[in-house]
Amino acid sequence: MAKWSNKAFDNQYYLDLILKALSQHSTMSRKDIDELLWNKLPDWMTEIQRKKKIENLLTELRKFNKIINKGTRKHSSWELLSSF
């Protein structure tokens, strides 16, 4: 059970990293975000798990109106929403 007790905290750490990076760079591609987070994710995660984790983090930020993808699914361009 202890393994999952920090899950929300861990997610917040990654969400904050994404938001901070976007505030510094104004726009980032999915590749940029992958590079930002890749080595910070747990070693036990596979490549597929890491991609899914990052996808879920971006989805969470988008659903809470923190970021928006102004690009396409294939060529993303993530930006902070001005209301943030």
Foldseek 3Di string as FASTA:
>chain_A
DVVCPCVVVVLVVLLVQVLVVCVVVQKDWVVRSCVSCVVVDDPVDDPVRSSVSSVVSVVVCVVVQQWDFPDDPVTTIIGGDPVD
